[in-house]
Amino acid sequence: YQINTDYISALGMSAGASLAIMLGTTDEHLYRDELTLEDDPTLASTNLDQPAEVHTVIALSMTPAANTLLESVYGINTYDETDAPLMIMNGTNDRLAPFTDAEMLRDQYDATGAPYAFYAIEGAGHTLGMMGVEVDGRGIFDLGFDFIVEQQMLQTES
């Protein structure tokens, strides 16, 4: 497909944000080496020799449920200083993805020293409540684009 895998970003809202977070914080060996070709012969067609690293994550109206599950069930803490830079944006009135979950994720990133940006959207609810939101005159997609450009040190045309 001629994709430059050095610049992969994952973006998600709600459950998609949880998956994007997993992509950016889970070490490859935790899932790539779980089964052998003998266990599952279809793995022969999955390009296991290709990198699977995500370089930035944009998470809107999120919950780190999958990471929390790995830690509570298997004792695996997926957060470390090598995690993909993460932009977290959550409404303070989100009833489906509680704002406290966003704060918990921010604190995990802060503790490891991995780069992140954190946006608390006062009064906003879940996903649709985030549409049209601006922070300092910038919409959520502009903020996400700028975050990716900055974290991946990309050049943009003026």
N, C-alpha and C. Protein backbone atom coordinates (compact mmCIF):
# COMPACT_ATOMS: atom_id res chain seq x y z
N TYR A 1 0.81 -1.21 0.00
CA TYR A 1 0.00 0.00 0.00
C TYR A 1 0.85 1.27 0.00
N GLN A 2 2.14 1.15 0.12
CA GLN A 2 3.08 2.27 0.13
C GLN A 2 2.74 3.28 1.24
N ILE A 3 2.42 2.78 2.42
CA ILE A 3 2.14 3.63 3.57
C ILE A 3 3.43 3.81 4.35
N ASN A 4 3.74 5.05 4.69
CA ASN A 4 4.91 5.31 5.52
C ASN A 4 4.52 5.07 6.97
N THR A 5 4.91 3.96 7.52
CA THR A 5 4.50 3.57 8.87
C THR A 5 5.19 4.38 9.96
N ASP A 6 6.04 5.32 9.58
CA ASP A 6 6.67 6.19 10.57
C ASP A 6 5.75 7.32 11.02
N TYR A 7 4.57 7.44 10.39
CA TYR A 7 3.69 8.57 10.69
C TYR A 7 2.24 8.13 10.93
N ILE A 8 2.05 7.04 11.62
CA ILE A 8 0.70 6.52 11.87
C ILE A 8 0.11 7.22 13.09
N SER A 9 -1.13 7.70 12.93
CA SER A 9 -1.88 8.28 14.05
C SER A 9 -3.18 7.50 14.19
N ALA A 10 -3.69 7.45 15.41
CA ALA A 10 -4.98 6.82 15.67
C ALA A 10 -5.89 7.88 16.29
N LEU A 11 -7.08 8.00 15.76
CA LEU A 11 -8.07 8.95 16.24
C LEU A 11 -9.33 8.19 16.57
N GLY A 12 -9.95 8.54 17.68
CA GLY A 12 -11.20 7.90 18.01
C GLY A 12 -12.06 8.75 18.92
N MET A 13 -13.35 8.52 18.81
CA MET A 13 -14.32 9.14 19.73
C MET A 13 -15.04 8.02 20.45
N SER A 14 -15.28 8.21 21.74
CA SER A 14 -16.01 7.26 22.54
C SER A 14 -15.29 5.91 22.56
N ALA A 15 -15.96 4.83 22.17
CA ALA A 15 -15.32 3.51 22.17
C ALA A 15 -14.11 3.48 21.23
N GLY A 16 -14.19 4.21 20.13
CA GLY A 16 -13.06 4.31 19.21
C GLY A 16 -11.86 4.96 19.86
N ALA A 17 -12.09 5.90 20.77
CA ALA A 17 -10.99 6.53 21.50
C ALA A 17 -10.31 5.52 22.41
N SER A 18 -11.09 4.65 23.03
CA SER A 18 -10.51 3.61 23.89
C SER A 18 -9.61 2.69 23.08
N LEU A 19 -10.04 2.34 21.87
CA LEU A 19 -9.22 1.50 21.01
C LEU A 19 -7.96 2.24 20.56
N ALA A 20 -8.10 3.51 20.23
CA ALA A 20 -6.93 4.30 19.82
C ALA A 20 -5.91 4.37 20.96
N ILE A 21 -6.39 4.56 22.18
CA ILE A 21 -5.50 4.60 23.34
C ILE A 21 -4.76 3.28 23.48
N MET A 22 -5.47 2.17 23.32
CA MET A 22 -4.81 0.86 23.38
C MET A 22 -3.71 0.74 22.34
N LEU A 23 -3.98 1.22 21.13
CA LEU A 23 -2.97 1.16 20.07
C LEU A 23 -1.72 1.94 20.43
N GLY A 24 -1.90 3.05 21.12
CA GLY A 24 -0.77 3.90 21.45
C GLY A 24 -0.04 3.55 22.73
N THR A 25 -0.64 2.68 23.54
CA THR A 25 -0.03 2.40 24.86
C THR A 25 0.31 0.93 25.10
N THR A 26 -0.07 0.05 24.20
CA THR A 26 0.18 -1.37 24.40
C THR A 26 1.41 -1.80 23.62
N ASP A 27 2.34 -2.44 24.30
CA ASP A 27 3.55 -2.92 23.64
C ASP A 27 3.21 -4.06 22.69
N GLU A 28 3.84 -4.05 21.54
CA GLU A 28 3.55 -4.99 20.46
C GLU A 28 3.61 -6.45 20.90
N HIS A 29 4.57 -6.80 21.74
CA HIS A 29 4.73 -8.21 22.14
C HIS A 29 3.53 -8.74 22.92
N LEU A 30 2.73 -7.86 23.52
CA LEU A 30 1.58 -8.31 24.30
C LEU A 30 0.50 -8.95 23.43
N TYR A 31 0.45 -8.58 22.16
CA TYR A 31 -0.56 -9.19 21.28
C TYR A 31 0.05 -9.94 20.10
N ARG A 32 1.18 -9.51 19.61
CA ARG A 32 1.76 -10.14 18.42
C ARG A 32 2.23 -11.56 18.71
N ASP A 33 2.79 -11.80 19.89
CA ASP A 33 3.38 -13.10 20.21
C ASP A 33 2.46 -14.00 21.03
N GLU A 34 1.20 -13.60 21.16
CA GLU A 34 0.27 -14.36 21.99
C GLU A 34 -0.01 -15.76 21.43
N LEU A 35 -0.15 -15.86 20.12
CA LEU A 35 -0.42 -17.14 19.47
C LEU A 35 0.71 -17.47 18.50
N THR A 36 0.92 -18.74 18.28
CA THR A 36 1.91 -19.17 17.30
C THR A 36 1.20 -19.55 15.99
N LEU A 37 1.97 -19.75 14.94
CA LEU A 37 1.38 -20.22 13.68
C LEU A 37 0.73 -21.58 13.85
N GLU A 38 1.27 -22.37 14.76
CA GLU A 38 0.67 -23.68 15.03
C GLU A 38 -0.70 -23.52 15.67
N ASP A 39 -0.83 -22.52 16.59
CA ASP A 39 -2.12 -22.24 17.23
C ASP A 39 -3.14 -21.72 16.22
N ASP A 40 -2.67 -20.85 15.33
CA ASP A 40 -3.56 -20.20 14.37
C ASP A 40 -2.84 -20.01 13.04
N PRO A 41 -2.99 -20.95 12.11
CA PRO A 41 -2.29 -20.88 10.82
C PRO A 41 -2.62 -19.63 9.99
N THR A 42 -3.76 -18.98 10.27
CA THR A 42 -4.10 -17.77 9.52
C THR A 42 -3.13 -16.62 9.81
N LEU A 43 -2.37 -16.72 10.86
CA LEU A 43 -1.38 -15.67 11.16
C LEU A 43 -0.33 -15.54 10.06
N ALA A 44 -0.17 -16.58 9.26
CA ALA A 44 0.82 -16.54 8.17
C ALA A 44 0.49 -15.43 7.17
N SER A 45 -0.76 -14.99 7.13
CA SER A 45 -1.16 -13.96 6.17
C SER A 45 -1.29 -12.58 6.80
N THR A 46 -0.76 -12.39 8.00
CA THR A 46 -0.99 -11.13 8.71
C THR A 46 0.20 -10.18 8.75
N ASN A 47 1.25 -10.46 8.00
CA ASN A 47 2.39 -9.54 7.92
C ASN A 47 2.99 -9.24 9.30
N LEU A 48 3.27 -10.27 10.05
CA LEU A 48 3.82 -10.09 11.39
C LEU A 48 5.18 -9.39 11.39
N ASP A 49 5.84 -9.36 10.27
CA ASP A 49 7.15 -8.72 10.19
C ASP A 49 7.05 -7.20 10.01
N GLN A 50 5.85 -6.67 9.85
CA GLN A 50 5.66 -5.23 9.65
C GLN A 50 5.46 -4.52 10.99
N PRO A 51 5.96 -3.29 11.12
CA PRO A 51 5.79 -2.55 12.37
C PRO A 51 4.33 -2.22 12.62
N ALA A 52 3.97 -2.14 13.89
CA ALA A 52 2.60 -1.84 14.26
C ALA A 52 2.54 -0.67 15.23
N GLU A 53 3.53 0.20 15.17
CA GLU A 53 3.61 1.30 16.13
C GLU A 53 2.73 2.47 15.70
N VAL A 54 1.99 2.99 16.66
CA VAL A 54 1.20 4.19 16.46
C VAL A 54 2.02 5.35 17.02
N HIS A 55 2.10 6.46 16.27
CA HIS A 55 2.99 7.56 16.66
C HIS A 55 2.30 8.72 17.35
N THR A 56 1.00 8.87 17.19
CA THR A 56 0.21 9.85 17.95
C THR A 56 -1.21 9.32 18.08
N VAL A 57 -1.87 9.74 19.17
CA VAL A 57 -3.25 9.32 19.43
C VAL A 57 -4.08 10.56 19.78
N ILE A 58 -5.25 10.65 19.18
CA ILE A 58 -6.22 11.68 19.49
C ILE A 58 -7.43 10.96 20.08
N ALA A 59 -7.78 11.26 21.33
CA ALA A 59 -8.87 10.57 22.02
C ALA A 59 -9.91 11.58 22.49
N LEU A 60 -11.13 11.49 21.94
CA LEU A 60 -12.21 12.39 22.28
C LEU A 60 -13.32 11.63 22.99
N SER A 61 -13.79 12.16 24.10
CA SER A 61 -14.85 11.51 24.88
C SER A 61 -14.48 10.06 25.16
N MET A 62 -13.40 9.88 25.87
CA MET A 62 -12.80 8.56 26.00
C MET A 62 -12.90 7.98 27.41
N THR A 63 -12.59 6.70 27.46
CA THR A 63 -12.38 6.01 28.72
C THR A 63 -11.27 4.99 28.48
N PRO A 64 -10.32 4.88 29.40
CA PRO A 64 -9.23 3.92 29.21
C PRO A 64 -9.62 2.51 29.69
N ALA A 65 -10.84 2.10 29.39
CA ALA A 65 -11.39 0.85 29.92
C ALA A 65 -10.54 -0.37 29.59
N ALA A 66 -10.08 -0.48 28.35
CA ALA A 66 -9.31 -1.67 27.96
C ALA A 66 -8.00 -1.73 28.72
N ASN A 67 -7.32 -0.60 28.89
CA ASN A 67 -6.08 -0.58 29.65
C ASN A 67 -6.33 -0.94 31.11
N THR A 68 -7.41 -0.41 31.66
CA THR A 68 -7.77 -0.70 33.05
C THR A 68 -8.05 -2.19 33.22
N LEU A 69 -8.70 -2.80 32.23
CA LEU A 69 -8.99 -4.23 32.27
C LEU A 69 -7.71 -5.04 32.27
N LEU A 70 -6.76 -4.70 31.41
CA LEU A 70 -5.48 -5.41 31.38
C LEU A 70 -4.78 -5.36 32.73
N GLU A 71 -4.86 -4.20 33.38
CA GLU A 71 -4.20 -4.07 34.67
C GLU A 71 -4.94 -4.83 35.76
N SER A 72 -6.27 -4.74 35.80
CA SER A 72 -7.01 -5.38 36.88
C SER A 72 -7.05 -6.91 36.73
N VAL A 73 -7.12 -7.41 35.51
CA VAL A 73 -7.22 -8.86 35.30
C VAL A 73 -5.85 -9.52 35.24
N TYR A 74 -4.92 -8.91 34.50
CA TYR A 74 -3.62 -9.55 34.25
C TYR A 74 -2.45 -8.90 34.97
N GLY A 75 -2.71 -7.79 35.65
CA GLY A 75 -1.63 -7.10 36.35
C GLY A 75 -0.66 -6.42 35.41
N ILE A 76 -1.09 -6.12 34.20
CA ILE A 76 -0.22 -5.48 33.20
C ILE A 76 -0.52 -3.99 33.15
N ASN A 77 0.47 -3.18 33.49
CA ASN A 77 0.34 -1.73 33.35
C ASN A 77 0.93 -1.38 31.99
N THR A 78 0.10 -0.89 31.10
CA THR A 78 0.54 -0.63 29.73
C THR A 78 1.17 0.74 29.55
N TYR A 79 1.17 1.57 30.58
CA TYR A 79 1.68 2.93 30.44
C TYR A 79 3.17 3.00 30.75
N ASP A 80 3.91 3.66 29.85
CA ASP A 80 5.32 3.94 30.12
C ASP A 80 5.75 5.13 29.27
N GLU A 81 7.00 5.53 29.43
CA GLU A 81 7.49 6.73 28.75
C GLU A 81 7.57 6.60 27.23
N THR A 82 7.44 5.39 26.71
CA THR A 82 7.50 5.19 25.26
C THR A 82 6.13 5.26 24.59
N ASP A 83 5.08 5.51 25.35
CA ASP A 83 3.73 5.57 24.77
C ASP A 83 3.63 6.69 23.74
N ALA A 84 2.76 6.48 22.78
CA ALA A 84 2.53 7.48 21.74
C ALA A 84 2.01 8.77 22.38
N PRO A 85 2.45 9.92 21.90
CA PRO A 85 1.89 11.18 22.38
C PRO A 85 0.36 11.15 22.24
N LEU A 86 -0.32 11.68 23.24
CA LEU A 86 -1.77 11.56 23.34
C LEU A 86 -2.43 12.91 23.55
N MET A 87 -3.43 13.21 22.73
CA MET A 87 -4.29 14.37 22.97
C MET A 87 -5.60 13.86 23.55
N ILE A 88 -5.93 14.32 24.74
CA ILE A 88 -7.15 13.92 25.44
C ILE A 88 -8.09 15.12 25.44
N MET A 89 -9.33 14.89 24.99
CA MET A 89 -10.34 15.94 25.04
C MET A 89 -11.63 15.32 25.55
N ASN A 90 -12.10 15.83 26.69
CA ASN A 90 -13.31 15.26 27.28
C ASN A 90 -14.19 16.37 27.84
N GLY A 91 -15.50 16.18 27.72
CA GLY A 91 -16.45 17.10 28.32
C GLY A 91 -16.54 16.86 29.82
N THR A 92 -16.69 17.93 30.57
CA THR A 92 -16.80 17.79 32.03
C THR A 92 -18.15 17.21 32.45
N ASN A 93 -19.15 17.23 31.56
CA ASN A 93 -20.48 16.67 31.87
C ASN A 93 -20.76 15.40 31.07
N ASP A 94 -19.73 14.69 30.68
CA ASP A 94 -19.88 13.45 29.90
C ASP A 94 -20.34 12.34 30.84
N ARG A 95 -21.55 11.82 30.61
CA ARG A 95 -22.09 10.76 31.47
C ARG A 95 -21.67 9.36 31.01
N LEU A 96 -21.24 9.21 29.76
CA LEU A 96 -20.84 7.90 29.24
C LEU A 96 -19.35 7.64 29.40
N ALA A 97 -18.55 8.66 29.28
CA ALA A 97 -17.09 8.57 29.47
C ALA A 97 -16.75 9.62 30.51
N PRO A 98 -16.85 9.25 31.78
CA PRO A 98 -16.71 10.23 32.86
C PRO A 98 -15.41 11.04 32.77
N PHE A 99 -15.54 12.31 33.09
CA PHE A 99 -14.39 13.21 33.06
C PHE A 99 -13.28 12.71 33.98
N THR A 100 -13.64 12.04 35.06
CA THR A 100 -12.62 11.51 35.98
C THR A 100 -11.74 10.47 35.28
N ASP A 101 -12.29 9.75 34.29
CA ASP A 101 -11.47 8.80 33.52
C ASP A 101 -10.42 9.54 32.69
N ALA A 102 -10.83 10.67 32.12
CA ALA A 102 -9.89 11.48 31.35
C ALA A 102 -8.78 12.00 32.27
N GLU A 103 -9.16 12.43 33.46
CA GLU A 103 -8.16 12.90 34.41
C GLU A 103 -7.21 11.78 34.83
N MET A 104 -7.76 10.57 35.01
CA MET A 104 -6.94 9.42 35.37
C MET A 104 -5.92 9.12 34.27
N LEU A 105 -6.36 9.17 33.02
CA LEU A 105 -5.44 8.92 31.91
C LEU A 105 -4.37 10.00 31.84
N ARG A 106 -4.79 11.25 32.01
CA ARG A 106 -3.82 12.35 32.03
C ARG A 106 -2.77 12.11 33.12
N ASP A 107 -3.22 11.70 34.30
CA ASP A 107 -2.30 11.46 35.41
C ASP A 107 -1.35 10.30 35.12
N GLN A 108 -1.84 9.26 34.42
CA GLN A 108 -0.97 8.14 34.02
C GLN A 108 0.14 8.64 33.10
N TYR A 109 -0.25 9.44 32.12
CA TYR A 109 0.73 9.99 31.19
C TYR A 109 1.70 10.93 31.91
N ASP A 110 1.17 11.74 32.78
CA ASP A 110 2.02 12.67 33.53
C ASP A 110 3.06 11.90 34.35
N ALA A 111 2.64 10.81 34.97
CA ALA A 111 3.55 10.01 35.80
C ALA A 111 4.67 9.36 35.00
N THR A 112 4.40 9.01 33.74
CA THR A 112 5.43 8.35 32.93
C THR A 112 6.33 9.35 32.20
N GLY A 113 5.85 10.56 32.03
CA GLY A 113 6.61 11.54 31.26
C GLY A 113 6.34 11.48 29.77
N ALA A 114 5.41 10.62 29.34
CA ALA A 114 5.05 10.56 27.92
C ALA A 114 4.31 11.86 27.56
N PRO A 115 4.51 12.38 26.35
CA PRO A 115 3.89 13.65 25.97
C PRO A 115 2.37 13.54 25.81
N TYR A 116 1.69 14.60 26.24
CA TYR A 116 0.24 14.63 26.09
C TYR A 116 -0.24 16.08 26.07
N ALA A 117 -1.47 16.26 25.59
CA ALA A 117 -2.20 17.52 25.71
C ALA A 117 -3.54 17.16 26.30
N PHE A 118 -4.04 17.99 27.19
CA PHE A 118 -5.28 17.70 27.90
C PHE A 118 -6.23 18.89 27.78
N TYR A 119 -7.43 18.61 27.27
CA TYR A 119 -8.44 19.65 27.12
C TYR A 119 -9.71 19.24 27.85
N ALA A 120 -10.05 20.01 28.88
CA ALA A 120 -11.31 19.83 29.61
C ALA A 120 -12.31 20.79 28.99
N ILE A 121 -13.38 20.25 28.42
CA ILE A 121 -14.39 21.07 27.76
C ILE A 121 -15.55 21.29 28.74
N GLU A 122 -15.54 22.46 29.36
CA GLU A 122 -16.52 22.78 30.39
C GLU A 122 -17.95 22.66 29.86
N GLY A 123 -18.75 21.87 30.58
CA GLY A 123 -20.16 21.73 30.27
C GLY A 123 -20.50 20.79 29.14
N ALA A 124 -19.52 20.32 28.38
CA ALA A 124 -19.81 19.45 27.23
C ALA A 124 -20.13 18.04 27.70
N GLY A 125 -20.99 17.39 26.94
CA GLY A 125 -21.34 16.00 27.20
C GLY A 125 -20.53 15.07 26.32
N HIS A 126 -21.15 13.98 25.91
CA HIS A 126 -20.47 12.95 25.13
C HIS A 126 -20.46 13.31 23.65
N THR A 127 -19.54 12.80 22.91
CA THR A 127 -19.20 12.98 21.50
C THR A 127 -19.92 14.12 20.78
N LEU A 128 -21.23 14.04 20.56
CA LEU A 128 -21.90 15.09 19.79
C LEU A 128 -21.81 16.43 20.49
N GLY A 129 -21.71 16.40 21.82
CA GLY A 129 -21.51 17.64 22.56
C GLY A 129 -20.16 18.25 22.30
N MET A 130 -19.25 17.48 21.68
CA MET A 130 -17.91 17.98 21.37
C MET A 130 -17.86 18.66 20.01
N MET A 131 -18.83 18.39 19.15
CA MET A 131 -18.82 18.98 17.82
C MET A 131 -19.04 20.49 17.94
N GLY A 132 -18.26 21.22 17.20
CA GLY A 132 -18.37 22.67 17.23
C GLY A 132 -17.64 23.33 18.38
N VAL A 133 -17.05 22.53 19.27
CA VAL A 133 -16.31 23.08 20.40
C VAL A 133 -15.03 23.73 19.90
N GLU A 134 -14.70 24.85 20.50
CA GLU A 134 -13.45 25.53 20.18
C GLU A 134 -12.67 25.78 21.47
N VAL A 135 -11.36 25.70 21.36
CA VAL A 135 -10.45 26.04 22.44
C VAL A 135 -9.53 27.12 21.89
N ASP A 136 -9.60 28.29 22.50
CA ASP A 136 -8.81 29.42 22.01
C ASP A 136 -9.01 29.66 20.52
N GLY A 137 -10.27 29.56 20.06
CA GLY A 137 -10.60 29.82 18.67
C GLY A 137 -10.27 28.69 17.70
N ARG A 138 -9.83 27.55 18.21
CA ARG A 138 -9.45 26.41 17.35
C ARG A 138 -10.44 25.28 17.59
N GLY A 139 -10.95 24.69 16.50
CA GLY A 139 -11.85 23.55 16.59
C GLY A 139 -11.09 22.28 16.94
N ILE A 140 -11.83 21.24 17.32
CA ILE A 140 -11.18 20.00 17.78
C ILE A 140 -10.33 19.35 16.70
N PHE A 141 -10.74 19.44 15.45
CA PHE A 141 -9.96 18.80 14.38
C PHE A 141 -8.68 19.60 14.10
N ASP A 142 -8.78 20.93 14.19
CA ASP A 142 -7.57 21.75 14.05
C ASP A 142 -6.59 21.47 15.19
N LEU A 143 -7.11 21.37 16.40
CA LEU A 143 -6.25 21.06 17.54
C LEU A 143 -5.56 19.71 17.36
N GLY A 144 -6.33 18.72 16.91
CA GLY A 144 -5.77 17.39 16.68
C GLY A 144 -4.71 17.40 15.60
N PHE A 145 -4.98 18.09 14.50
CA PHE A 145 -4.01 18.19 13.41
C PHE A 145 -2.73 18.86 13.90
N ASP A 146 -2.88 19.97 14.61
CA ASP A 146 -1.71 20.68 15.13
C ASP A 146 -0.91 19.81 16.09
N PHE A 147 -1.60 19.02 16.90
CA PHE A 147 -0.93 18.12 17.85
C PHE A 147 -0.10 17.07 17.10
N ILE A 148 -0.69 16.48 16.07
CA ILE A 148 0.03 15.47 15.28
C ILE A 148 1.25 16.09 14.61
N VAL A 149 1.07 17.25 14.00
CA VAL A 149 2.18 17.93 13.33
C VAL A 149 3.31 18.21 14.32
N GLU A 150 2.95 18.74 15.48
CA GLU A 150 3.97 19.07 16.49
C GLU A 150 4.68 17.82 17.01
N GLN A 151 3.91 16.80 17.39
CA GLN A 151 4.50 15.61 18.02
C GLN A 151 5.32 14.78 17.03
N GLN A 152 4.91 14.77 15.77
CA GLN A 152 5.66 13.99 14.77
C GLN A 152 6.67 14.85 14.02
N MET A 153 6.77 16.12 14.42
CA MET A 153 7.71 17.07 13.80
C MET A 153 7.57 17.10 12.28
N LEU A 154 6.32 17.21 11.84
CA LEU A 154 6.02 17.25 10.40
C LEU A 154 6.14 18.68 9.88
N GLN A 155 6.36 18.79 8.61
CA GLN A 155 6.39 20.09 7.93
C GLN A 155 5.06 20.29 7.22
N THR A 156 4.49 21.46 7.35
CA THR A 156 3.26 21.77 6.64
C THR A 156 3.53 22.90 5.67
N GLU A 157 2.76 22.92 4.60
CA GLU A 157 2.90 24.00 3.62
C GLU A 157 2.14 25.21 4.14
N SER A 158 2.70 26.36 3.92
CA SER A 158 2.05 27.61 4.36
C SER A 158 1.01 28.05 3.39
